Amino acid sequence: MAELFRLDQKVAIITGAASGIGQAIAQVFARQGAKVCVADINLQKAQQVVQDIISEGHQAYAYPMDVTDANVVQAQVKHIYADHGAIHILVNSAGIAHIGKLENTSVEDFDRVYAVNVKGSFLCMQAVLPIMKQQQYGVILNLASIAAHVGLPDRFAYSMSKGAVYAMTLSVAKDYLHHHIRCNSISPARVHTPFVDGFLQKNYPGREAEMFQKLSATQPIGRMAKPEEVAHLALYLCSDEASFITGCDYPIDGGFLKLNN
């Protein structure tokens, strides 16, 4: 059993890996033997994640990447391929949130969320695709959200973006099945990341603990997910043990979608 879910010598690009869910995925993948490419717009934080991974005796490399810039994405993917000779796994974890309804979502906010969450995932998939086709092997994992499946209050632009990520996942899985490229997505509910803490500090000063409990209670299981729990699901879906799985979305939501009656 100890040999299950190994990623030995697999080259994995993880976007948004300098913090939150992406960081947890990078750490878990590295512990399972992957050569982890920590791709993030914040190079300093990416380098710190890399140093932490290396200090544990694993392999990791930092690459600055603004996923909204097609030229940067193409250049960095080529750089990664030149450095490592293969790209086996892409995890599109880079993403931003937005709070607002249709009527109070500005064009600028809508474009910003689209650029990171939708265009960013598109550009990264498009950049790795020729390499994966040439290899006749590849695994793509996108971070969607429960917002792609149910109506959430005050999440118009975010829901739009994650619905698009889910739809792109299905399309890529269908089109590249015969190239032995698998594409799946994960749909988390609330996950306790630094973003959540920052959101509470900004919007509910002095009431952070109260609001944290309120947000936690929206999951029937009674708490938010830990980033590591999402990372463990990502590990399974990107491992060869999941070789029969493609075109699927996996909620990791503490019962939110099915048990919130």
Protein backbone atom coordinates (compact mmCIF):
# COMPACT_ATOMS: atom_id res chain seq x y z
CA MET A 1 0.00 0.00 0.00
CA ALA A 2 2.93 2.34 0.64
CA GLU A 3 3.71 2.28 -3.08
CA LEU A 4 0.30 3.56 -4.15
CA PHE A 5 -0.14 7.07 -5.54
CA ARG A 6 3.54 7.52 -6.27
CA LEU A 7 4.60 10.23 -8.75
CA ASP A 8 8.27 9.27 -8.98
CA GLN A 9 10.10 11.38 -11.59
CA LYS A 10 6.85 12.84 -12.92
CA VAL A 11 7.23 16.51 -13.82
CA ALA A 12 4.27 18.44 -12.43
CA ILE A 13 3.44 22.10 -13.06
CA ILE A 14 1.22 23.57 -10.36
CA THR A 15 0.02 27.12 -10.90
CA GLY A 16 -0.81 29.36 -7.97
CA ALA A 17 1.43 27.11 -5.89
CA ALA A 18 2.93 29.82 -3.69
CA SER A 19 0.02 29.67 -1.24
CA GLY A 20 -3.21 27.97 -0.28
CA ILE A 21 -4.45 24.90 -2.11
CA GLY A 22 -1.73 25.11 -4.77
CA GLN A 23 0.99 25.12 -2.13
CA ALA A 24 -0.52 22.09 -0.41
CA ILE A 25 -0.70 20.23 -3.73
CA ALA A 26 2.94 21.07 -4.46
CA GLN A 27 4.04 19.76 -1.07
CA VAL A 28 2.04 16.53 -1.31
CA PHE A 29 3.16 15.82 -4.88
CA ALA A 30 6.80 16.40 -3.96
CA ARG A 31 6.55 14.00 -1.04
CA GLN A 32 5.22 11.40 -3.48
CA GLY A 33 8.27 11.75 -5.70
CA ALA A 34 7.26 14.34 -8.29
CA LYS A 35 9.54 17.02 -9.67
CA VAL A 36 7.33 19.93 -8.70
CA CYS A 37 7.38 23.15 -10.71
CA VAL A 38 5.97 25.85 -8.44
CA ALA A 39 4.52 28.39 -10.88
CA ASP A 40 3.22 31.62 -9.41
CA ILE A 41 3.09 35.33 -10.14
CA ASN A 42 4.81 35.91 -6.78
CA LEU A 43 8.29 34.53 -7.36
CA GLN A 44 9.53 35.31 -3.84
CA LYS A 45 6.78 33.24 -2.22
CA ALA A 46 7.23 30.49 -4.82
CA GLN A 47 10.93 30.31 -3.95
CA GLN A 48 10.08 29.98 -0.26
CA VAL A 49 7.73 27.06 -1.00
CA VAL A 50 10.51 25.46 -3.04
CA GLN A 51 13.00 25.88 -0.22
CA ASP A 52 10.58 24.29 2.24
CA ILE A 53 10.11 21.32 -0.08
CA ILE A 54 13.84 20.93 -0.69
CA SER A 55 14.47 21.07 3.06
CA GLU A 56 12.32 17.94 3.36
CA GLY A 57 14.55 16.18 0.86
CA HIS A 58 12.29 16.47 -2.19
CA GLN A 59 12.52 18.11 -5.63
CA ALA A 60 10.99 21.48 -6.45
CA TYR A 61 11.70 24.42 -8.75
CA ALA A 62 10.27 27.95 -8.85
CA TYR A 63 9.05 29.61 -12.04
CA PRO A 64 7.51 33.11 -12.22
CA MET A 65 4.25 32.88 -14.13
CA ASP A 66 1.44 35.35 -14.75
CA VAL A 67 -1.21 32.98 -16.08
CA THR A 68 -3.09 35.83 -17.77
CA ASP A 69 -0.18 36.57 -20.13
CA ALA A 70 -0.01 34.19 -23.10
CA ASN A 71 3.61 35.03 -23.92
CA VAL A 72 4.75 34.45 -20.34
CA VAL A 73 2.88 31.15 -20.07
CA GLN A 74 4.30 29.83 -23.35
CA ALA A 75 7.82 30.93 -22.44
CA GLN A 76 7.74 29.40 -18.98
CA VAL A 77 6.27 26.10 -20.18
CA LYS A 78 9.06 25.90 -22.78
CA HIS A 79 11.55 26.71 -20.04
CA ILE A 80 10.18 23.94 -17.82
CA TYR A 81 10.27 21.45 -20.69
CA ALA A 82 13.86 22.41 -21.51
CA ASP A 83 14.85 22.01 -17.87
CA HIS A 84 13.20 18.65 -17.26
CA GLY A 85 12.59 17.01 -20.64
CA ALA A 86 8.92 16.25 -20.03
CA ILE A 87 5.69 17.62 -18.54
CA HIS A 88 3.47 14.87 -17.18
CA ILE A 89 1.03 16.78 -14.98
CA LEU A 90 -0.59 20.22 -15.01
CA VAL A 91 -2.65 21.42 -12.07
CA ASN A 92 -4.46 24.71 -12.70
CA SER A 93 -4.76 26.03 -9.16
CA ALA A 94 -4.17 29.74 -9.77
CA GLY A 95 -7.38 31.61 -9.11
CA ILE A 96 -8.97 34.64 -7.52
CA ALA A 97 -12.33 35.25 -5.88
CA HIS A 98 -14.86 38.03 -6.15
CA ILE A 99 -17.87 38.94 -4.04
CA GLY A 100 -20.80 40.58 -5.76
CA LYS A 101 -24.10 40.12 -7.58
CA LEU A 102 -24.70 40.83 -11.25
CA GLU A 103 -25.79 44.42 -10.56
CA ASN A 104 -22.71 45.39 -8.52
CA THR A 105 -20.05 43.53 -10.48
CA SER A 106 -18.02 46.03 -12.46
CA VAL A 107 -16.70 45.31 -15.93
CA GLU A 108 -13.18 45.57 -14.52
CA ASP A 109 -13.88 43.00 -11.80
CA PHE A 110 -15.55 40.65 -14.27
CA ASP A 111 -12.60 40.89 -16.67
CA ARG A 112 -10.09 40.35 -13.86
CA VAL A 113 -11.79 37.19 -12.60
CA TYR A 114 -12.17 35.88 -16.15
CA ALA A 115 -8.54 36.63 -16.98
CA VAL A 116 -7.12 34.62 -14.06
CA ASN A 117 -9.63 31.81 -13.59
CA VAL A 118 -10.74 31.11 -17.15
CA LYS A 119 -8.15 32.53 -19.52
CA GLY A 120 -5.35 31.44 -17.19
CA SER A 121 -6.48 27.82 -17.19
CA PHE A 122 -6.98 27.96 -20.97
CA LEU A 123 -3.51 29.36 -21.64
CA CYS A 124 -1.77 26.82 -19.40
CA MET A 125 -3.62 23.86 -20.93
CA GLN A 126 -2.93 25.13 -24.42
CA ALA A 127 0.77 25.53 -23.66
CA VAL A 128 1.32 22.01 -22.29
CA LEU A 129 -0.88 20.24 -24.82
CA PRO A 130 1.67 19.82 -27.66
CA ILE A 131 4.15 18.31 -25.20
CA MET A 132 1.59 15.91 -23.76
CA LYS A 133 0.44 14.90 -27.24
CA GLN A 134 4.01 14.20 -28.26
CA GLN A 135 4.51 12.12 -25.11
CA GLN A 136 1.16 10.38 -25.62
CA TYR A 137 0.69 10.88 -21.89
CA GLY A 138 -0.58 13.69 -19.71
CA VAL A 139 -2.80 14.54 -16.77
CA ILE A 140 -4.57 17.87 -16.42
CA LEU A 141 -6.42 18.77 -13.22
CA ASN A 142 -8.44 21.97 -12.96
CA LEU A 143 -9.69 23.62 -9.79
CA ALA A 144 -13.38 24.31 -10.27
CA SER A 145 -15.75 24.94 -7.35
CA ILE A 146 -19.14 24.04 -5.96
CA ALA A 147 -20.06 27.43 -7.44
CA ALA A 148 -19.99 25.70 -10.84
CA HIS A 149 -22.88 23.47 -9.74
CA VAL A 150 -25.21 25.47 -7.47
CA GLY A 151 -26.25 29.07 -7.05
CA LEU A 152 -24.24 30.82 -4.36
CA PRO A 153 -25.22 34.28 -3.11
CA ASP A 154 -22.97 37.19 -4.11
CA ARG A 155 -20.67 35.10 -6.30
CA PHE A 156 -21.73 36.07 -9.82
CA ALA A 157 -18.34 36.54 -11.52
CA TYR A 158 -16.68 33.76 -9.54
CA SER A 159 -19.46 31.31 -10.40
CA MET A 160 -19.19 32.28 -14.07
CA SER A 161 -15.49 31.54 -14.05
CA LYS A 162 -15.71 28.19 -12.30
CA GLY A 163 -18.58 27.07 -14.52
CA ALA A 164 -16.32 27.77 -17.48
CA VAL A 165 -13.48 25.79 -15.90
CA TYR A 166 -15.79 22.81 -15.44
CA ALA A 167 -17.00 23.01 -19.06
CA MET A 168 -13.44 23.32 -20.39
CA THR A 169 -12.49 20.22 -18.40
CA LEU A 170 -15.16 18.16 -20.13
CA SER A 171 -14.19 19.47 -23.57
CA VAL A 172 -10.47 18.77 -23.14
CA ALA A 173 -11.16 15.30 -21.75
CA LYS A 174 -13.29 14.48 -24.78
CA ASP A 175 -10.99 15.89 -27.44
CA TYR A 176 -7.72 14.35 -26.24
CA LEU A 177 -8.86 10.98 -24.96
CA HIS A 178 -7.05 9.14 -27.75
CA HIS A 179 -3.82 10.97 -27.02
CA HIS A 180 -3.84 9.36 -23.56
CA ILE A 181 -4.37 12.73 -21.90
CA ARG A 182 -6.74 12.70 -18.95
CA CYS A 183 -8.51 15.85 -17.74
CA ASN A 184 -10.55 16.12 -14.54
CA SER A 185 -11.58 18.81 -12.09
CA ILE A 186 -12.10 19.23 -8.37
CA SER A 187 -14.90 21.33 -6.90
CA PRO A 188 -14.11 22.37 -3.33
CA ALA A 189 -16.49 24.06 -0.95
CA ARG A 190 -14.89 26.45 1.53
CA VAL A 191 -11.25 25.69 2.27
CA HIS A 192 -9.38 27.33 5.15
CA THR A 193 -6.59 29.17 3.38
CA PRO A 194 -4.83 32.50 4.09
CA PHE A 195 -7.33 34.06 1.68
CA VAL A 196 -10.17 33.27 4.09
CA ASP A 197 -8.32 34.79 7.02
CA GLY A 198 -7.54 37.92 5.00
CA PHE A 199 -11.14 38.21 3.84
CA LEU A 200 -12.42 38.04 7.41
CA GLN A 201 -9.90 40.58 8.67
CA LYS A 202 -10.82 43.01 5.91
CA ASN A 203 -14.59 42.66 6.01
CA TYR A 204 -15.35 41.70 9.62
CA PRO A 205 -12.74 43.35 11.88
CA GLY A 206 -13.27 42.27 15.47
CA ARG A 207 -15.73 39.56 14.41
CA GLU A 208 -13.30 37.19 12.70
CA ALA A 209 -13.92 34.22 15.00
CA GLU A 210 -17.70 34.62 14.86
CA MET A 211 -17.78 34.83 11.06
CA PHE A 212 -15.30 31.99 10.68
CA GLN A 213 -17.68 29.72 12.60
CA LYS A 214 -20.63 30.95 10.54
CA LEU A 215 -18.85 30.20 7.27
CA SER A 216 -17.67 26.83 8.57
CA ALA A 217 -21.23 25.84 9.47
CA THR A 218 -22.42 26.19 5.86
CA GLN A 219 -20.77 22.81 5.21
CA PRO A 220 -22.95 20.05 6.69
CA ILE A 221 -19.84 18.39 8.08
CA GLY A 222 -19.43 21.46 10.28
CA ARG A 223 -16.06 22.82 9.19
CA MET A 224 -14.03 24.05 6.25
CA ALA A 225 -11.72 21.73 4.34
CA LYS A 226 -8.00 21.78 4.97
CA PRO A 227 -5.83 22.49 1.91
CA GLU A 228 -4.12 19.13 2.46
CA GLU A 229 -7.43 17.32 2.06
CA VAL A 230 -7.91 18.86 -1.38
CA ALA A 231 -4.28 18.00 -2.18
CA HIS A 232 -4.84 14.34 -1.33
CA LEU A 233 -7.74 14.15 -3.79
CA ALA A 234 -5.57 15.89 -6.40
CA LEU A 235 -2.84 13.32 -5.77
CA TYR A 236 -5.19 10.44 -6.48
CA LEU A 237 -6.56 11.98 -9.68
CA CYS A 238 -3.06 12.76 -10.99
CA SER A 239 -1.65 9.34 -10.13
CA ASP A 240 -1.65 6.31 -12.40
CA GLU A 241 -4.05 4.64 -9.96
CA ALA A 242 -6.68 6.96 -11.48
CA SER A 243 -5.81 5.99 -15.07
CA PHE A 244 -9.44 5.01 -15.82
CA ILE A 245 -10.82 8.40 -14.77
CA THR A 246 -11.28 11.30 -17.17
CA GLY A 247 -13.93 13.91 -17.84
CA CYS A 248 -15.10 13.90 -14.22
CA ASP A 249 -15.59 16.55 -11.56
CA TYR A 250 -15.10 15.63 -7.92
CA PRO A 251 -16.83 17.72 -5.24
CA ILE A 252 -14.89 17.92 -1.98
CA ASP A 253 -17.44 19.84 -0.02
CA GLY A 254 -18.28 18.35 3.39
CA GLY A 255 -21.69 17.33 2.05
CA PHE A 256 -22.60 20.80 0.72
CA LEU A 257 -24.07 19.77 -2.64
CA LYS A 258 -26.08 16.77 -1.52
CA LEU A 259 -26.85 17.27 2.17
CA ASN A 260 -27.80 20.95 2.39
CA ASN A 261 -31.58 20.46 2.53
